[in-house]
């Protein structure tokens, strides 16, 4: 998950791509959807504010700030064990039928 491993930098620190994935995963867990539905991340605006060393404990919190139609808007914050903000994000997810979404992809030529 380091920048050096992910290819987003050369240092052995928590990478921005890993921070993004951590935030999206937290957002997914903050949303309750009916059976057969899922949400897709369509936009994320991240601020990676503080470096984190390998082994450092990070916690994330996601809050739904609006739900309009099929769009869900979230605010996400990641903190380290010293309660310092490592990153924050505004994130939009769209609710879809998982089966319908996948069937559309299967019918598209590669």
PDB file of N, CA and C in Angstrom:
ATOM      1  N   UNK A   1       0.809  -1.201   0.000  1.00  0.00           N
ATOM      2  CA  UNK A   1       0.000   0.000   0.000  1.00  0.00           C
ATOM      3  C   UNK A   1       0.858   1.274   0.000  1.00  0.00           C
ATOM      4  N   UNK A   2       2.165   1.120  -0.043  1.00  0.00           N
ATOM      5  CA  UNK A   2       3.033   2.299  -0.033  1.00  0.00           C
ATOM      6  C   UNK A   2       3.069   2.946  -1.402  1.00  0.00           C
ATOM      7  N   UNK A   3       3.497   4.203  -1.410  1.00  0.00           N
ATOM      8  CA  UNK A   3       3.629   4.915  -2.682  1.00  0.00           C
ATOM      9  C   UNK A   3       4.626   4.203  -3.588  1.00  0.00           C
ATOM     10  N   UNK A   4       5.715   3.716  -3.016  1.00  0.00           N
ATOM     11  CA  UNK A   4       6.719   3.008  -3.822  1.00  0.00           C
ATOM     12  C   UNK A   4       6.119   1.744  -4.437  1.00  0.00           C
ATOM     13  N   UNK A   5       5.351   0.979  -3.671  1.00  0.00           N
ATOM     14  CA  UNK A   5       4.739  -0.251  -4.166  1.00  0.00           C
ATOM     15  C   UNK A   5       3.664   0.038  -5.218  1.00  0.00           C
ATOM     16  N   UNK A   6       2.831   1.046  -4.965  1.00  0.00           N
ATOM     17  CA  UNK A   6       1.711   1.355  -5.858  1.00  0.00           C
ATOM     18  C   UNK A   6       2.147   2.086  -7.121  1.00  0.00           C
ATOM     19  N   UNK A   7       3.357   2.620  -7.115  1.00  0.00           N
ATOM     20  CA  UNK A   7       3.841   3.344  -8.291  1.00  0.00           C
ATOM     21  C   UNK A   7       3.403   4.795  -8.335  1.00  0.00           C
ATOM     22  N   UNK A   8       2.924   5.311  -7.210  1.00  0.00           N
ATOM     23  CA  UNK A   8       2.470   6.701  -7.187  1.00  0.00           C
ATOM     24  C   UNK A   8       3.515   7.629  -6.577  1.00  0.00           C
ATOM     25  N   UNK A   9       4.666   7.071  -6.255  1.00  0.00           N
ATOM     26  CA  UNK A   9       5.765   7.825  -5.664  1.00  0.00           C
ATOM     27  C   UNK A   9       6.916   6.890  -5.391  1.00  0.00           C
ATOM     28  N   UNK A  10       7.922   7.387  -4.669  1.00  0.00           N
ATOM     29  CA  UNK A  10       9.112   6.567  -4.425  1.00  0.00           C
ATOM     30  C   UNK A  10       9.327   6.243  -2.950  1.00  0.00           C
ATOM     31  N   UNK A  11       8.504   6.780  -2.070  1.00  0.00           N
ATOM     32  CA  UNK A  11       8.715   6.609  -0.631  1.00  0.00           C
ATOM     33  C   UNK A  11       7.861   5.489  -0.052  1.00  0.00           C
ATOM     34  N   UNK A  12       8.335   4.952   1.068  1.00  0.00           N
ATOM     35  CA  UNK A  12       7.617   3.899   1.789  1.00  0.00           C
ATOM     36  C   UNK A  12       6.651   4.538   2.787  1.00  0.00           C
ATOM     37  N   UNK A  13       5.664   5.247   2.255  1.00  0.00           N
ATOM     38  CA  UNK A  13       4.603   5.869   3.042  1.00  0.00           C
ATOM     39  C   UNK A  13       3.261   5.463   2.428  1.00  0.00           C
ATOM     40  N   UNK A  14       2.192   5.610   3.199  1.00  0.00           N
ATOM     41  CA  UNK A  14       0.846   5.262   2.722  1.00  0.00           C
ATOM     42  C   UNK A  14       0.537   6.083   1.472  1.00  0.00           C
ATOM     43  N   UNK A  15       0.159   5.400   0.408  1.00  0.00           N
ATOM     44  CA  UNK A  15      -0.038   6.063  -0.886  1.00  0.00           C
ATOM     45  C   UNK A  15      -1.412   6.715  -1.009  1.00  0.00           C
ATOM     46  N   UNK A  16      -1.490   7.699  -1.874  1.00  0.00           N
ATOM     47  CA  UNK A  16      -2.770   8.342  -2.165  1.00  0.00           C
ATOM     48  C   UNK A  16      -3.755   7.365  -2.817  1.00  0.00           C
ATOM     49  N   UNK A  17      -3.333   6.490  -3.761  1.00  0.00           N
ATOM     50  CA  UNK A  17      -4.295   5.511  -4.294  1.00  0.00           C
ATOM     51  C   UNK A  17      -4.867   4.592  -3.206  1.00  0.00           C
ATOM     52  N   UNK A  18      -4.037   4.206  -2.226  1.00  0.00           N
ATOM     53  CA  UNK A  18      -4.527   3.369  -1.130  1.00  0.00           C
ATOM     54  C   UNK A  18      -5.478   4.157  -0.235  1.00  0.00           C
ATOM     55  N   UNK A  19      -5.178   5.433  -0.019  1.00  0.00           N
ATOM     56  CA  UNK A  19      -6.072   6.296   0.756  1.00  0.00           C
ATOM     57  C   UNK A  19      -7.431   6.382   0.068  1.00  0.00           C
ATOM     58  N   UNK A  20      -7.418   6.533  -1.243  1.00  0.00           N
ATOM     59  CA  UNK A  20      -8.662   6.613  -2.021  1.00  0.00           C
ATOM     60  C   UNK A  20      -9.473   5.324  -1.856  1.00  0.00           C
ATOM     61  N   UNK A  21      -8.817   4.177  -1.978  1.00  0.00           N
ATOM     62  CA  UNK A  21      -9.518   2.895  -1.834  1.00  0.00           C
ATOM     63  C   UNK A  21     -10.086   2.733  -0.425  1.00  0.00           C
ATOM     64  N   UNK A  22      -9.313   3.136   0.580  1.00  0.00           N
ATOM     65  CA  UNK A  22      -9.764   3.076   1.978  1.00  0.00           C
ATOM     66  C   UNK A  22     -11.012   3.935   2.161  1.00  0.00           C
ATOM     67  N   UNK A  23     -10.992   5.124   1.572  1.00  0.00           N
ATOM     68  CA  UNK A  23     -12.139   6.031   1.680  1.00  0.00           C
ATOM     69  C   UNK A  23     -13.362   5.463   0.975  1.00  0.00           C
ATOM     70  N   UNK A  24     -13.180   4.922  -0.225  1.00  0.00           N
ATOM     71  CA  UNK A  24     -14.320   4.353  -0.954  1.00  0.00           C
ATOM     72  C   UNK A  24     -14.904   3.161  -0.206  1.00  0.00           C
ATOM     73  N   UNK A  25     -14.050   2.311   0.351  1.00  0.00           N
ATOM     74  CA  UNK A  25     -14.518   1.169   1.118  1.00  0.00           C
ATOM     75  C   UNK A  25     -15.328   1.614   2.330  1.00  0.00           C
ATOM     76  N   UNK A  26     -14.865   2.657   2.987  1.00  0.00           N
ATOM     77  CA  UNK A  26     -15.586   3.201   4.142  1.00  0.00           C
ATOM     78  C   UNK A  26     -16.939   3.762   3.707  1.00  0.00           C
ATOM     79  N   UNK A  27     -16.976   4.430   2.557  1.00  0.00           N
ATOM     80  CA  UNK A  27     -18.232   4.975   2.036  1.00  0.00           C
ATOM     81  C   UNK A  27     -19.237   3.870   1.753  1.00  0.00           C
ATOM     82  N   UNK A  28     -18.769   2.786   1.156  1.00  0.00           N
ATOM     83  CA  UNK A  28     -19.654   1.655   0.853  1.00  0.00           C
ATOM     84  C   UNK A  28     -20.285   1.121   2.131  1.00  0.00           C
ATOM     85  N   UNK A  29     -19.493   1.026   3.181  1.00  0.00           N
ATOM     86  CA  UNK A  29     -19.990   0.501   4.459  1.00  0.00           C
ATOM     87  C   UNK A  29     -20.968   1.460   5.141  1.00  0.00           C
ATOM     88  N   UNK A  30     -20.953   2.723   4.760  1.00  0.00           N
ATOM     89  CA  UNK A  30     -21.844   3.717   5.373  1.00  0.00           C
ATOM     90  C   UNK A  30     -23.219   3.751   4.714  1.00  0.00           C
ATOM     91  N   UNK A  31     -23.377   2.995   3.645  1.00  0.00           N
ATOM     92  CA  UNK A  31     -24.624   3.010   2.871  1.00  0.00           C
ATOM     93  C   UNK A  31     -25.341   1.668   3.018  1.00  0.00           C
ATOM     94  N   UNK A  32     -26.618   1.725   3.327  1.00  0.00           N
ATOM     95  CA  UNK A  32     -27.441   0.516   3.377  1.00  0.00           C
ATOM     96  C   UNK A  32     -28.360   0.522   2.159  1.00  0.00           C
ATOM     97  N   UNK A  33     -28.292  -0.550   1.377  1.00  0.00           N
ATOM     98  CA  UNK A  33     -29.076  -0.633   0.152  1.00  0.00           C
ATOM     99  C   UNK A  33     -29.950  -1.879   0.160  1.00  0.00           C
ATOM    100  N   UNK A  34     -31.057  -1.839  -0.575  1.00  0.00           N
ATOM    101  CA  UNK A  34     -31.908  -3.023  -0.690  1.00  0.00           C
ATOM    102  C   UNK A  34     -31.174  -4.159  -1.416  1.00  0.00           C
ATOM    103  N   UNK A  35     -31.626  -5.368  -1.202  1.00  0.00           N
ATOM    104  CA  UNK A  35     -31.084  -6.554  -1.869  1.00  0.00           C
ATOM    105  C   UNK A  35     -31.081  -6.351  -3.382  1.00  0.00           C
ATOM    106  N   UNK A  36     -29.986  -6.686  -4.016  1.00  0.00           N
ATOM    107  CA  UNK A  36     -29.878  -6.587  -5.474  1.00  0.00           C
ATOM    108  C   UNK A  36     -29.344  -5.258  -5.975  1.00  0.00           C
ATOM    109  N   UNK A  37     -29.247  -4.279  -5.080  1.00  0.00           N
ATOM    110  CA  UNK A  37     -28.702  -2.989  -5.492  1.00  0.00           C
ATOM    111  C   UNK A  37     -27.283  -2.828  -4.966  1.00  0.00           C
ATOM    112  N   UNK A  38     -26.509  -2.029  -5.679  1.00  0.00           N
ATOM    113  CA  UNK A  38     -25.152  -1.715  -5.265  1.00  0.00           C
ATOM    114  C   UNK A  38     -24.904  -0.246  -5.598  1.00  0.00           C
ATOM    115  N   UNK A  39     -23.772   0.254  -5.152  1.00  0.00           N
ATOM    116  CA  UNK A  39     -23.443   1.638  -5.489  1.00  0.00           C
ATOM    117  C   UNK A  39     -22.100   1.673  -6.207  1.00  0.00           C
ATOM    118  N   UNK A  40     -21.996   2.606  -7.127  1.00  0.00           N
ATOM    119  CA  UNK A  40     -20.783   2.781  -7.913  1.00  0.00           C
ATOM    120  C   UNK A  40     -20.196   4.147  -7.596  1.00  0.00           C
ATOM    121  N   UNK A  41     -18.899   4.193  -7.358  1.00  0.00           N
ATOM    122  CA  UNK A  41     -18.235   5.472  -7.156  1.00  0.00           C
ATOM    123  C   UNK A  41     -18.092   6.184  -8.488  1.00  0.00           C
ATOM    124  N   UNK A  42     -18.595   7.417  -8.567  1.00  0.00           N
ATOM    125  CA  UNK A  42     -18.518   8.164  -9.826  1.00  0.00           C
ATOM    126  C   UNK A  42     -17.673   9.430  -9.713  1.00  0.00           C
ATOM    127  N   UNK A  43     -17.421   9.862  -8.478  1.00  0.00           N
ATOM    128  CA  UNK A  43     -16.588  11.050  -8.294  1.00  0.00           C
ATOM    129  C   UNK A  43     -16.018  11.039  -6.879  1.00  0.00           C
ATOM    130  N   UNK A  44     -14.743  11.430  -6.782  1.00  0.00           N
ATOM    131  CA  UNK A  44     -14.136  11.585  -5.468  1.00  0.00           C
ATOM    132  C   UNK A  44     -13.114  12.713  -5.558  1.00  0.00           C
ATOM    133  N   UNK A  45     -13.195  13.609  -4.588  1.00  0.00           N
ATOM    134  CA  UNK A  45     -12.268  14.737  -4.518  1.00  0.00           C
ATOM    135  C   UNK A  45     -11.522  14.599  -3.198  1.00  0.00           C
ATOM    136  N   UNK A  46     -10.243  14.179  -3.291  1.00  0.00           N
ATOM    137  CA  UNK A  46      -9.446  13.853  -2.112  1.00  0.00           C
ATOM    138  C   UNK A  46      -8.425  14.933  -1.814  1.00  0.00           C
ATOM    139  N   UNK A  47      -8.250  15.172  -0.523  1.00  0.00           N
ATOM    140  CA  UNK A  47      -7.120  15.961  -0.042  1.00  0.00           C
ATOM    141  C   UNK A  47      -6.296  15.022   0.838  1.00  0.00           C
ATOM    142  N   UNK A  48      -5.082  14.709   0.411  1.00  0.00           N
ATOM    143  CA  UNK A  48      -4.163  13.875   1.197  1.00  0.00           C
ATOM    144  C   UNK A  48      -3.267  14.849   1.944  1.00  0.00           C
ATOM    145  N   UNK A  49      -3.561  15.051   3.225  1.00  0.00           N
ATOM    146  CA  UNK A  49      -3.003  16.165   3.989  1.00  0.00           C
ATOM    147  C   UNK A  49      -1.768  15.830   4.821  1.00  0.00           C
ATOM    148  N   UNK A  50      -1.590  14.551   5.168  1.00  0.00           N
ATOM    149  CA  UNK A  50      -0.493  14.192   6.078  1.00  0.00           C
ATOM    150  C   UNK A  50       0.023  12.810   5.707  1.00  0.00           C
ATOM    151  N   UNK A  51       1.348  12.669   5.702  1.00  0.00           N
ATOM    152  CA  UNK A  51       1.966  11.378   5.405  1.00  0.00           C
ATOM    153  C   UNK A  51       1.764  10.413   6.574  1.00  0.00           C
ATOM    154  N   UNK A  52       1.736   9.118   6.250  1.00  0.00           N
ATOM    155  CA  UNK A  52       1.591   8.060   7.253  1.00  0.00           C
ATOM    156  C   UNK A  52       2.641   6.991   6.991  1.00  0.00           C
ATOM    157  N   UNK A  53       3.324   6.596   8.046  1.00  0.00           N
ATOM    158  CA  UNK A  53       4.360   5.569   7.946  1.00  0.00           C
ATOM    159  C   UNK A  53       3.738   4.170   7.909  1.00  0.00           C
ATOM    160  N   UNK A  54       4.490   3.221   7.398  1.00  0.00           N
ATOM    161  CA  UNK A  54       4.060   1.820   7.392  1.00  0.00           C
ATOM    162  C   UNK A  54       3.793   1.389   8.836  1.00  0.00           C
ATOM    163  N   UNK A  55       2.667   0.739   9.069  1.00  0.00           N
ATOM    164  CA  UNK A  55       2.299   0.255  10.397  1.00  0.00           C
ATOM    165  C   UNK A  55       1.469   1.226  11.216  1.00  0.00           C
ATOM    166  N   UNK A  56       1.338   2.449  10.739  1.00  0.00           N
ATOM    167  CA  UNK A  56       0.541   3.438  11.470  1.00  0.00           C
ATOM    168  C   UNK A  56      -0.942   3.079  11.354  1.00  0.00           C
ATOM    169  N   UNK A  57      -1.674   3.236  12.445  1.00  0.00           N
ATOM    170  CA  UNK A  57      -3.103   2.938  12.455  1.00  0.00           C
ATOM    171  C   UNK A  57      -3.890   4.149  11.965  1.00  0.00           C
ATOM    172  N   UNK A  58      -4.751   3.903  10.971  1.00  0.00           N
ATOM    173  CA  UNK A  58      -5.622   4.944  10.432  1.00  0.00           C
ATOM    174  C   UNK A  58      -7.065   4.506  10.595  1.00  0.00           C
ATOM    175  N   UNK A  59      -7.946   5.461  10.869  1.00  0.00           N
ATOM    176  CA  UNK A  59      -9.372   5.173  10.950  1.00  0.00           C
ATOM    177  C   UNK A  59     -10.108   6.126  10.013  1.00  0.00           C
ATOM    178  N   UNK A  60     -11.166   5.621   9.420  1.00  0.00           N
ATOM    179  CA  UNK A  60     -11.947   6.416   8.474  1.00  0.00           C
ATOM    180  C   UNK A  60     -13.394   6.498   8.936  1.00  0.00           C
ATOM    181  N   UNK A  61     -13.999   7.627   8.646  1.00  0.00           N
ATOM    182  CA  UNK A  61     -15.411   7.842   8.965  1.00  0.00           C
ATOM    183  C   UNK A  61     -16.066   8.472   7.739  1.00  0.00           C
ATOM    184  N   UNK A  62     -17.186   7.896   7.321  1.00  0.00           N
ATOM    185  CA  UNK A  62     -17.938   8.430   6.190  1.00  0.00           C
ATOM    186  C   UNK A  62     -19.336   8.805   6.658  1.00  0.00           C
ATOM    187  N   UNK A  63     -19.790   9.949   6.182  1.00  0.00           N
ATOM    188  CA  UNK A  63     -21.122  10.437   6.541  1.00  0.00           C
ATOM    189  C   UNK A  63     -21.883  10.791   5.270  1.00  0.00           C
ATOM    190  N   UNK A  64     -23.096  10.263   5.150  1.00  0.00           N
ATOM    191  CA  UNK A  64     -23.962  10.636   4.035  1.00  0.00           C
ATOM    192  C   UNK A  64     -24.462  12.045   4.298  1.00  0.00           C
ATOM    193  N   UNK A  65     -24.189  12.961   3.363  1.00  0.00           N
ATOM    194  CA  UNK A  65     -24.631  14.342   3.546  1.00  0.00           C
ATOM    195  C   UNK A  65     -25.855  14.672   2.693  1.00  0.00           C
ATOM    196  N   UNK A  66     -26.106  13.874   1.659  1.00  0.00           N
ATOM    197  CA  UNK A  66     -27.305  14.067   0.841  1.00  0.00           C
ATOM    198  C   UNK A  66     -27.576  12.802   0.040  1.00  0.00           C
ATOM    199  N   UNK A  67     -28.859  12.579  -0.252  1.00  0.00           N
ATOM    200  CA  UNK A  67     -29.286  11.456  -1.095  1.00  0.00           C
ATOM    201  C   UNK A  67     -30.362  12.012  -2.013  1.00  0.00           C
ATOM    202  N   UNK A  68     -29.993  12.207  -3.271  1.00  0.00           N
ATOM    203  CA  UNK A  68     -30.912  12.800  -4.255  1.00  0.00           C
ATOM    204  C   UNK A  68     -31.088  11.827  -5.409  1.00  0.00           C
ATOM    205  N   UNK A  69     -32.280  11.268  -5.532  1.00  0.00           N
ATOM    206  CA  UNK A  69     -32.521  10.289  -6.590  1.00  0.00           C
ATOM    207  C   UNK A  69     -31.618   9.090  -6.409  1.00  0.00           C
ATOM    208  N   UNK A  70     -30.849   8.767  -7.453  1.00  0.00           N
ATOM    209  CA  UNK A  70     -29.924   7.639  -7.392  1.00  0.00           C
ATOM    210  C   UNK A  70     -28.544   8.033  -6.870  1.00  0.00           C
ATOM    211  N   UNK A  71     -28.318   9.313  -6.619  1.00  0.00           N
ATOM    212  CA  UNK A  71     -27.004   9.796  -6.184  1.00  0.00           C
ATOM    213  C   UNK A  71     -26.929   9.941  -4.669  1.00  0.00           C
ATOM    214  N   UNK A  72     -25.819   9.451  -4.118  1.00  0.00           N
ATOM    215  CA  UNK A  72     -25.550   9.581  -2.686  1.00  0.00           C
ATOM    216  C   UNK A  72     -24.260  10.372  -2.543  1.00  0.00           C
ATOM    217  N   UNK A  73     -24.299  11.413  -1.727  1.00  0.00           N
ATOM    218  CA  UNK A  73     -23.143  12.295  -1.519  1.00  0.00           C
ATOM    219  C   UNK A  73     -22.617  12.079  -0.105  1.00  0.00           C
ATOM    220  N   UNK A  74     -21.297  11.854  -0.007  1.00  0.00           N
ATOM    221  CA  UNK A  74     -20.680  11.562   1.282  1.00  0.00           C
ATOM    222  C   UNK A  74     -19.506  12.489   1.559  1.00  0.00           C
ATOM    223  N   UNK A  75     -19.249  12.693   2.845  1.00  0.00           N
ATOM    224  CA  UNK A  75     -18.048  13.369   3.320  1.00  0.00           C
ATOM    225  C   UNK A  75     -17.261  12.317   4.079  1.00  0.00           C
ATOM    226  N   UNK A  76     -15.968  12.189   3.782  1.00  0.00           N
ATOM    227  CA  UNK A  76     -15.131  11.157   4.388  1.00  0.00           C
ATOM    228  C   UNK A  76     -13.913  11.817   5.022  1.00  0.00           C
ATOM    229  N   UNK A  77     -13.525  11.293   6.190  1.00  0.00           N
ATOM    230  CA  UNK A  77     -12.349  11.811   6.875  1.00  0.00           C
ATOM    231  C   UNK A  77     -11.534  10.633   7.411  1.00  0.00           C
ATOM    232  N   UNK A  78     -10.222  10.701   7.235  1.00  0.00           N
ATOM    233  CA  UNK A  78      -9.313   9.680   7.746  1.00  0.00           C
ATOM    234  C   UNK A  78      -8.380  10.349   8.751  1.00  0.00           C
ATOM    235  N   UNK A  79      -8.266   9.707   9.930  1.00  0.00           N
ATOM    236  CA  UNK A  79      -7.394  10.245  10.982  1.00  0.00           C
ATOM    237  C   UNK A  79      -6.379   9.190  11.401  1.00  0.00           C
ATOM    238  N   UNK A  80      -5.260   9.660  11.950  1.00  0.00           N
ATOM    239  CA  UNK A  80      -4.258   8.749  12.501  1.00  0.00           C
ATOM    240  C   UNK A  80      -4.505   8.577  13.999  1.00  0.00           C
ATOM    241  N   UNK A  81      -3.644   7.818  14.668  1.00  0.00           N
ATOM    242  CA  UNK A  81      -3.847   7.518  16.094  1.00  0.00           C
ATOM    243  C   UNK A  81      -3.654   8.737  16.988  1.00  0.00           C
ATOM    244  N   UNK A  82      -3.078   9.808  16.443  1.00  0.00           N
ATOM    245  CA  UNK A  82      -2.925  11.061  17.200  1.00  0.00           C
ATOM    246  C   UNK A  82      -4.096  12.014  16.933  1.00  0.00           C
ATOM    247  N   UNK A  83      -5.142  11.488  16.272  1.00  0.00           N
ATOM    248  CA  UNK A  83      -6.349  12.240  15.940  1.00  0.00           C
ATOM    249  C   UNK A  83      -6.079  13.381  14.951  1.00  0.00           C
ATOM    250  N   UNK A  84      -5.003  13.249  14.175  1.00  0.00           N
ATOM    251  CA  UNK A  84      -4.688  14.228  13.134  1.00  0.00           C
ATOM    252  C   UNK A  84      -5.367  13.801  11.841  1.00  0.00           C
ATOM    253  N   UNK A  85      -5.876  14.749  11.095  1.00  0.00           N
ATOM    254  CA  UNK A  85      -6.540  14.439   9.830  1.00  0.00           C
ATOM    255  C   UNK A  85      -5.480  14.125   8.775  1.00  0.00           C
ATOM    256  N   UNK A  86      -5.527  12.900   8.268  1.00  0.00           N
ATOM    257  CA  UNK A  86      -4.610  12.446   7.217  1.00  0.00           C
ATOM    258  C   UNK A  86      -5.172  12.805   5.851  1.00  0.00           C
ATOM    259  N   UNK A  87      -6.491  12.702   5.715  1.00  0.00           N
ATOM    260  CA  UNK A  87      -7.124  12.999   4.440  1.00  0.00           C
ATOM    261  C   UNK A  87      -8.609  13.233   4.601  1.00  0.00           C
ATOM    262  N   UNK A  88      -9.159  13.956   3.649  1.00  0.00           N
ATOM    263  CA  UNK A  88     -10.606  14.158   3.618  1.00  0.00           C
ATOM    264  C   UNK A  88     -11.051  14.086   2.164  1.00  0.00           C
ATOM    265  N   UNK A  89     -12.332  13.809   1.972  1.00  0.00           N
ATOM    266  CA  UNK A  89     -12.848  13.681   0.610  1.00  0.00           C
ATOM    267  C   UNK A  89     -14.330  13.981   0.558  1.00  0.00           C
ATOM    268  N   UNK A  90     -14.736  14.465  -0.594  1.00  0.00           N
ATOM    269  CA  UNK A  90     -16.144  14.527  -0.971  1.00  0.00           C
ATOM    270  C   UNK A  90     -16.313  13.444  -2.026  1.00  0.00           C
ATOM    271  N   UNK A  91     -17.352  12.635  -1.868  1.00  0.00           N
ATOM    272  CA  UNK A  91     -17.493  11.453  -2.716  1.00  0.00           C
ATOM    273  C   UNK A  91     -18.941  11.297  -3.148  1.00  0.00           C
ATOM    274  N   UNK A  92     -19.132  10.939  -4.417  1.00  0.00           N
ATOM    275  CA  UNK A  92     -20.468  10.690  -4.956  1.00  0.00           C
ATOM    276  C   UNK A  92     -20.550   9.244  -5.417  1.00  0.00           C
ATOM    277  N   UNK A  93     -21.609   8.572  -5.006  1.00  0.00           N
ATOM    278  CA  UNK A  93     -21.884   7.207  -5.448  1.00  0.00           C
ATOM    279  C   UNK A  93     -23.272   7.178  -6.079  1.00  0.00           C
ATOM    280  N   UNK A  94     -23.470   6.315  -7.060  1.00  0.00           N
ATOM    281  CA  UNK A  94     -24.750   6.170  -7.742  1.00  0.00           C
ATOM    282  C   UNK A  94     -25.275   4.767  -7.480  1.00  0.00           C
ATOM    283  N   UNK A  95     -26.535   4.670  -7.103  1.00  0.00           N
ATOM    284  CA  UNK A  95     -27.173   3.384  -6.805  1.00  0.00           C
ATOM    285  C   UNK A  95     -27.715   2.788  -8.096  1.00  0.00           C
ATOM    286  N   UNK A  96     -27.373   1.508  -8.313  1.00  0.00           N
ATOM    287  CA  UNK A  96     -27.824   0.792  -9.511  1.00  0.00           C
ATOM    288  C   UNK A  96     -28.238  -0.617  -9.134  1.00  0.00           C
ATOM    289  N   UNK A  97     -28.986  -1.244 -10.026  1.00  0.00           N
ATOM    290  CA  UNK A  97     -29.273  -2.674  -9.914  1.00  0.00           C
ATOM    291  C   UNK A  97     -28.011  -3.409 -10.365  1.00  0.00           C
ATOM    292  N   UNK A  98     -27.462  -4.238  -9.510  1.00  0.00           N
ATOM    293  CA  UNK A  98     -26.226  -4.957  -9.844  1.00  0.00           C
ATOM    294  C   UNK A  98     -26.418  -5.834 -11.075  1.00  0.00           C
ATOM    295  N   UNK A  99     -27.517  -6.559 -11.129  1.00  0.00           N
ATOM    296  CA  UNK A  99     -27.779  -7.470 -12.253  1.00  0.00           C
ATOM    297  C   UNK A  99     -27.923  -6.702 -13.569  1.00  0.00           C
ATOM    298  N   UNK A 100     -28.683  -5.629 -13.538  1.00  0.00           N
ATOM    299  CA  UNK A 100     -28.901  -4.825 -14.749  1.00  0.00           C
ATOM    300  C   UNK A 100     -27.593  -4.186 -15.222  1.00  0.00           C
ATOM    301  N   UNK A 101     -26.809  -3.678 -14.297  1.00  0.00           N
ATOM    302  CA  UNK A 101     -25.541  -3.053 -14.642  1.00  0.00           C
ATOM    303  C   UNK A 101     -24.608  -4.057 -15.318  1.00  0.00           C
ATOM    304  N   UNK A 102     -24.472  -5.246 -14.714  1.00  0.00           N
ATOM    305  CA  UNK A 102     -23.587  -6.260 -15.285  1.00  0.00           C
ATOM    306  C   UNK A 102     -24.094  -6.790 -16.624  1.00  0.00           C
ATOM    307  N   UNK A 103     -25.418  -6.907 -16.768  1.00  0.00           N
ATOM    308  CA  UNK A 103     -25.961  -7.417 -18.044  1.00  0.00           C
ATOM    309  C   UNK A 103     -25.682  -6.424 -19.174  1.00  0.00           C
ATOM    310  N   UNK A 104     -25.693  -5.127 -18.881  1.00  0.00           N
ATOM    311  CA  UNK A 104     -25.367  -4.122 -19.917  1.00  0.00           C
ATOM    312  C   UNK A 104     -23.902  -4.264 -20.345  1.00  0.00           C
ATOM    313  N   UNK A 105     -23.036  -4.537 -19.397  1.00  0.00           N
ATOM    314  CA  UNK A 105     -21.615  -4.700 -19.731  1.00  0.00           C
ATOM    315  C   UNK A 105     -21.370  -5.940 -20.567  1.00  0.00           C
ATOM    316  N   UNK A 106     -22.078  -7.029 -20.259  1.00  0.00           N
ATOM    317  CA  UNK A 106     -21.900  -8.265 -20.989  1.00  0.00           C
ATOM    318  C   UNK A 106     -22.333  -8.137 -22.442  1.00  0.00           C
ATOM    319  N   UNK A 107     -23.254  -7.239 -22.729  1.00  0.00           N
ATOM    320  CA  UNK A 107     -23.763  -7.068 -24.091  1.00  0.00           C
ATOM    321  C   UNK A 107     -22.949  -6.084 -24.919  1.00  0.00           C
ATOM    322  N   UNK A 108     -21.938  -5.457 -24.319  1.00  0.00           N
ATOM    323  CA  UNK A 108     -21.092  -4.508 -25.056  1.00  0.00           C
ATOM    324  C   UNK A 108     -19.922  -5.242 -25.682  1.00  0.00           C
ATOM    325  N   UNK A 109     -19.591  -4.876 -26.929  1.00  0.00           N
ATOM    326  CA  UNK A 109     -18.412  -5.501 -27.542  1.00  0.00           C
ATOM    327  C   UNK A 109     -17.132  -5.039 -26.853  1.00  0.00           C
ATOM    328  N   UNK A 110     -16.161  -5.922 -26.839  1.00  0.00           N
ATOM    329  CA  UNK A 110     -14.876  -5.599 -26.189  1.00  0.00           C
ATOM    330  C   UNK A 110     -13.978  -4.857 -27.144  1.00  0.00           C
TER     331      UNK A 110
END
